[in-house]
Amino acid sequence: MKRFSQQDLDEIDQLWRSVPADHVWTGWSASGAEPEEIWLYRTRAHWRKFPLRKTENGFALFDERGRPVADAETLNDLLRAVESIPGLADSAAQENGD
């Protein structure tokens, strides 16, 4: 896996701080100076924790079960990806064919 640089972390933090306080993206965390994975947090109704990994072409988000849910070439694309992931209720309705 590719590692996130300090510049990547700074850019992710700057992007997160630019969203309104009531945004679905509620926070992020990482462990270590150059982590291989970062966790993005959303409001409970919209899922809670998404692993974020760097790829050759940008970034990839995964759900709590490790399934890919979004790809993004840039951090702005990443923000749109975070916003576009359906909430838990919406996902359950899709799986049940509602």
N, C-alpha and C. Protein backbone atom coordinates (compact mmCIF):
# COMPACT_ATOMS: atom_id res chain seq x y z
N MET A 1 0.83 -1.19 0.00
CA MET A 1 0.00 0.00 0.00
C MET A 1 0.87 1.25 0.00
N LYS A 2 0.36 2.29 -0.62
CA LYS A 2 1.06 3.57 -0.61
C LYS A 2 0.81 4.26 0.73
N ARG A 3 1.76 5.05 1.13
CA ARG A 3 1.65 5.76 2.40
C ARG A 3 1.23 7.22 2.18
N PHE A 4 0.53 7.76 3.15
CA PHE A 4 0.16 9.17 3.13
C PHE A 4 1.32 9.99 3.67
N SER A 5 1.68 11.03 2.98
CA SER A 5 2.75 11.92 3.43
C SER A 5 2.18 12.95 4.40
N GLN A 6 3.05 13.68 5.05
CA GLN A 6 2.60 14.75 5.94
C GLN A 6 1.82 15.79 5.15
N GLN A 7 2.24 16.05 3.90
CA GLN A 7 1.51 16.99 3.06
C GLN A 7 0.10 16.48 2.77
N ASP A 8 -0.04 15.18 2.50
CA ASP A 8 -1.38 14.60 2.29
C ASP A 8 -2.25 14.81 3.52
N LEU A 9 -1.67 14.52 4.69
CA LEU A 9 -2.42 14.67 5.94
C LEU A 9 -2.85 16.12 6.16
N ASP A 10 -1.94 17.04 5.87
CA ASP A 10 -2.27 18.47 6.02
C ASP A 10 -3.39 18.87 5.06
N GLU A 11 -3.34 18.37 3.84
CA GLU A 11 -4.38 18.70 2.85
C GLU A 11 -5.72 18.10 3.23
N ILE A 12 -5.72 16.88 3.75
CA ILE A 12 -6.96 16.24 4.20
C ILE A 12 -7.53 17.03 5.37
N ASP A 13 -6.68 17.42 6.30
CA ASP A 13 -7.15 18.20 7.44
C ASP A 13 -7.72 19.55 6.99
N GLN A 14 -7.05 20.21 6.07
CA GLN A 14 -7.53 21.49 5.56
C GLN A 14 -8.89 21.32 4.87
N LEU A 15 -9.03 20.27 4.08
CA LEU A 15 -10.30 20.01 3.41
C LEU A 15 -11.40 19.76 4.43
N TRP A 16 -11.12 18.92 5.43
CA TRP A 16 -12.12 18.62 6.45
C TRP A 16 -12.53 19.89 7.20
N ARG A 17 -11.57 20.74 7.53
CA ARG A 17 -11.88 21.97 8.25
C ARG A 17 -12.67 22.97 7.40
N SER A 18 -12.68 22.77 6.08
CA SER A 18 -13.41 23.69 5.20
C SER A 18 -14.90 23.37 5.10
N VAL A 19 -15.33 22.20 5.57
CA VAL A 19 -16.75 21.84 5.46
C VAL A 19 -17.52 22.44 6.63
N PRO A 20 -18.82 22.72 6.43
CA PRO A 20 -19.63 23.28 7.52
C PRO A 20 -19.72 22.32 8.71
N ALA A 21 -20.01 22.85 9.87
CA ALA A 21 -20.08 22.05 11.10
C ALA A 21 -21.15 20.95 11.02
N ASP A 22 -22.21 21.15 10.24
CA ASP A 22 -23.28 20.16 10.14
C ASP A 22 -23.09 19.20 8.96
N HIS A 23 -21.92 19.18 8.37
CA HIS A 23 -21.62 18.31 7.22
C HIS A 23 -21.60 16.85 7.66
N VAL A 24 -21.88 15.92 6.73
CA VAL A 24 -21.87 14.49 7.07
C VAL A 24 -20.48 13.99 7.46
N TRP A 25 -19.43 14.64 6.97
CA TRP A 25 -18.07 14.25 7.32
C TRP A 25 -17.75 14.89 8.66
N THR A 26 -17.71 14.08 9.71
CA THR A 26 -17.56 14.61 11.06
C THR A 26 -16.13 14.61 11.58
N GLY A 27 -15.21 13.94 10.90
CA GLY A 27 -13.84 13.93 11.37
C GLY A 27 -13.00 12.91 10.64
N TRP A 28 -11.74 12.82 11.06
CA TRP A 28 -10.82 11.86 10.49
C TRP A 28 -9.74 11.56 11.50
N SER A 29 -9.05 10.45 11.31
CA SER A 29 -7.93 10.12 12.19
C SER A 29 -6.94 9.24 11.44
N ALA A 30 -5.73 9.24 11.96
CA ALA A 30 -4.65 8.43 11.40
C ALA A 30 -3.69 8.07 12.52
N SER A 31 -2.95 7.02 12.30
CA SER A 31 -1.98 6.58 13.29
C SER A 31 -0.60 6.53 12.64
N GLY A 32 0.36 7.23 13.22
CA GLY A 32 1.72 7.22 12.70
C GLY A 32 2.01 8.42 11.83
N ALA A 33 3.28 8.63 11.53
CA ALA A 33 3.72 9.78 10.75
C ALA A 33 3.36 9.65 9.27
N GLU A 34 3.44 8.46 8.72
CA GLU A 34 3.10 8.22 7.31
C GLU A 34 2.23 6.97 7.22
N PRO A 35 0.96 7.11 7.59
CA PRO A 35 0.09 5.93 7.65
C PRO A 35 -0.26 5.38 6.28
N GLU A 36 -0.60 4.10 6.24
CA GLU A 36 -1.08 3.47 5.01
C GLU A 36 -2.58 3.64 4.86
N GLU A 37 -3.25 3.94 5.99
CA GLU A 37 -4.69 4.06 5.99
C GLU A 37 -5.10 5.20 6.92
N ILE A 38 -6.13 5.90 6.51
CA ILE A 38 -6.73 6.97 7.31
C ILE A 38 -8.19 6.61 7.48
N TRP A 39 -8.80 7.00 8.58
CA TRP A 39 -10.21 6.73 8.79
C TRP A 39 -10.98 8.03 8.69
N LEU A 40 -12.03 8.01 7.87
CA LEU A 40 -12.93 9.15 7.76
C LEU A 40 -14.20 8.79 8.50
N TYR A 41 -14.72 9.73 9.27
CA TYR A 41 -15.92 9.50 10.06
C TYR A 41 -17.06 10.34 9.53
N ARG A 42 -18.23 9.72 9.48
CA ARG A 42 -19.44 10.43 9.09
C ARG A 42 -20.46 10.28 10.20
N THR A 43 -21.52 11.06 10.12
CA THR A 43 -22.57 10.98 11.14
C THR A 43 -23.11 9.56 11.19
N ARG A 44 -23.59 9.14 12.34
CA ARG A 44 -24.06 7.77 12.53
C ARG A 44 -25.10 7.38 11.49
N ALA A 45 -26.02 8.25 11.15
CA ALA A 45 -27.06 7.92 10.18
C ALA A 45 -26.49 7.67 8.79
N HIS A 46 -25.27 8.09 8.57
CA HIS A 46 -24.66 7.95 7.25
C HIS A 46 -23.45 7.02 7.27
N TRP A 47 -23.37 6.14 8.19
CA TRP A 47 -22.26 5.24 8.48
C TRP A 47 -21.24 5.98 9.31
N ARG A 48 -20.41 5.24 9.94
CA ARG A 48 -19.53 5.87 10.90
C ARG A 48 -18.08 5.98 10.48
N LYS A 49 -17.49 4.95 9.95
CA LYS A 49 -16.04 4.95 9.73
C LYS A 49 -15.73 4.36 8.37
N PHE A 50 -14.92 5.08 7.61
CA PHE A 50 -14.52 4.62 6.28
C PHE A 50 -13.00 4.62 6.18
N PRO A 51 -12.39 3.47 5.95
CA PRO A 51 -10.95 3.46 5.68
C PRO A 51 -10.67 4.15 4.34
N LEU A 52 -9.66 4.99 4.33
CA LEU A 52 -9.21 5.68 3.13
C LEU A 52 -7.79 5.21 2.85
N ARG A 53 -7.56 4.81 1.60
CA ARG A 53 -6.22 4.36 1.21
C ARG A 53 -5.79 5.12 -0.04
N LYS A 54 -4.50 5.34 -0.15
CA LYS A 54 -3.92 5.95 -1.34
C LYS A 54 -3.76 4.89 -2.41
N THR A 55 -4.03 5.28 -3.65
CA THR A 55 -3.86 4.37 -4.77
C THR A 55 -2.92 5.02 -5.79
N GLU A 56 -2.62 4.30 -6.84
CA GLU A 56 -1.79 4.85 -7.90
C GLU A 56 -2.44 6.07 -8.54
N ASN A 57 -3.78 6.10 -8.56
CA ASN A 57 -4.52 7.16 -9.24
C ASN A 57 -5.19 8.15 -8.30
N GLY A 58 -4.97 8.06 -7.02
CA GLY A 58 -5.61 8.98 -6.08
C GLY A 58 -5.92 8.31 -4.76
N PHE A 59 -7.22 8.14 -4.49
CA PHE A 59 -7.66 7.64 -3.20
C PHE A 59 -8.80 6.65 -3.39
N ALA A 60 -8.97 5.74 -2.43
CA ALA A 60 -10.08 4.79 -2.45
C ALA A 60 -10.67 4.73 -1.05
N LEU A 61 -12.00 4.79 -0.99
CA LEU A 61 -12.75 4.67 0.27
C LEU A 61 -13.37 3.28 0.34
N PHE A 62 -13.41 2.73 1.55
CA PHE A 62 -13.99 1.42 1.77
C PHE A 62 -15.03 1.52 2.87
N ASP A 63 -16.00 0.60 2.88
CA ASP A 63 -16.98 0.61 3.96
C ASP A 63 -16.44 -0.15 5.16
N GLU A 64 -17.27 -0.30 6.18
CA GLU A 64 -16.84 -0.95 7.42
C GLU A 64 -16.50 -2.42 7.23
N ARG A 65 -16.94 -3.00 6.13
CA ARG A 65 -16.65 -4.40 5.84
C ARG A 65 -15.50 -4.58 4.86
N GLY A 66 -14.85 -3.47 4.49
CA GLY A 66 -13.71 -3.53 3.59
C GLY A 66 -14.07 -3.54 2.12
N ARG A 67 -15.35 -3.31 1.79
CA ARG A 67 -15.77 -3.27 0.39
C ARG A 67 -15.52 -1.87 -0.17
N PRO A 68 -15.00 -1.76 -1.39
CA PRO A 68 -14.78 -0.43 -1.98
C PRO A 68 -16.12 0.27 -2.20
N VAL A 69 -16.17 1.56 -1.85
CA VAL A 69 -17.40 2.33 -2.04
C VAL A 69 -17.19 3.55 -2.92
N ALA A 70 -15.95 4.03 -3.07
CA ALA A 70 -15.70 5.20 -3.90
C ALA A 70 -14.22 5.33 -4.22
N ASP A 71 -13.95 5.87 -5.40
CA ASP A 71 -12.60 6.22 -5.82
C ASP A 71 -12.57 7.71 -6.09
N ALA A 72 -11.44 8.33 -5.84
CA ALA A 72 -11.30 9.77 -6.08
C ALA A 72 -9.89 10.06 -6.56
N GLU A 73 -9.78 10.87 -7.60
CA GLU A 73 -8.46 11.23 -8.11
C GLU A 73 -7.84 12.37 -7.30
N THR A 74 -8.68 13.28 -6.80
CA THR A 74 -8.19 14.43 -6.04
C THR A 74 -8.91 14.50 -4.71
N LEU A 75 -8.41 15.37 -3.83
CA LEU A 75 -9.08 15.53 -2.54
C LEU A 75 -10.46 16.16 -2.69
N ASN A 76 -10.64 17.05 -3.64
CA ASN A 76 -11.98 17.60 -3.87
C ASN A 76 -12.93 16.51 -4.36
N ASP A 77 -12.43 15.61 -5.20
CA ASP A 77 -13.23 14.46 -5.61
C ASP A 77 -13.55 13.59 -4.40
N LEU A 78 -12.61 13.48 -3.49
CA LEU A 78 -12.81 12.71 -2.28
C LEU A 78 -13.96 13.29 -1.46
N LEU A 79 -14.00 14.60 -1.33
CA LEU A 79 -15.08 15.24 -0.59
C LEU A 79 -16.43 14.91 -1.24
N ARG A 80 -16.52 15.00 -2.56
CA ARG A 80 -17.77 14.66 -3.25
C ARG A 80 -18.11 13.19 -3.04
N ALA A 81 -17.11 12.33 -3.00
CA ALA A 81 -17.35 10.91 -2.77
C ALA A 81 -17.90 10.66 -1.37
N VAL A 82 -17.34 11.34 -0.38
CA VAL A 82 -17.83 11.20 0.99
C VAL A 82 -19.29 11.64 1.06
N GLU A 83 -19.61 12.73 0.39
CA GLU A 83 -20.98 13.25 0.41
C GLU A 83 -21.96 12.34 -0.33
N SER A 84 -21.49 11.63 -1.35
CA SER A 84 -22.39 10.85 -2.19
C SER A 84 -22.71 9.46 -1.66
N ILE A 85 -21.98 8.98 -0.67
CA ILE A 85 -22.23 7.64 -0.14
C ILE A 85 -23.56 7.66 0.60
N PRO A 86 -24.46 6.74 0.27
CA PRO A 86 -25.77 6.76 0.92
C PRO A 86 -25.68 6.43 2.41
N GLY A 87 -26.64 6.92 3.16
CA GLY A 87 -26.72 6.61 4.59
C GLY A 87 -27.14 5.17 4.81
N LEU A 88 -27.11 4.73 6.05
CA LEU A 88 -27.45 3.35 6.37
C LEU A 88 -28.87 3.00 5.95
N ALA A 89 -29.83 3.88 6.23
CA ALA A 89 -31.22 3.61 5.88
C ALA A 89 -31.37 3.52 4.36
N ASP A 90 -30.70 4.40 3.63
CA ASP A 90 -30.76 4.38 2.17
C ASP A 90 -30.14 3.10 1.62
N SER A 91 -29.05 2.66 2.20
CA SER A 91 -28.38 1.44 1.76
C SER A 91 -29.25 0.21 2.01
N ALA A 92 -29.87 0.17 3.19
CA ALA A 92 -30.74 -0.98 3.52
C ALA A 92 -31.92 -1.04 2.57
N ALA A 93 -32.49 0.11 2.23
CA ALA A 93 -33.61 0.14 1.30
C ALA A 93 -33.19 -0.37 -0.08
N GLN A 94 -31.99 0.02 -0.54
CA GLN A 94 -31.50 -0.44 -1.84
C GLN A 94 -31.28 -1.95 -1.83
N GLU A 95 -30.73 -2.48 -0.74
CA GLU A 95 -30.48 -3.93 -0.67
C GLU A 95 -31.77 -4.71 -0.62
N ASN A 96 -32.84 -4.11 -0.03
CA ASN A 96 -34.13 -4.79 0.09
C ASN A 96 -35.03 -4.53 -1.11
N GLY A 97 -34.55 -3.72 -2.06
CA GLY A 97 -35.31 -3.45 -3.26
C GLY A 97 -36.43 -2.46 -3.07
N ASP A 98 -36.38 -1.69 -1.99
CA ASP A 98 -37.42 -0.67 -1.73
C ASP A 98 -37.23 0.55 -2.59
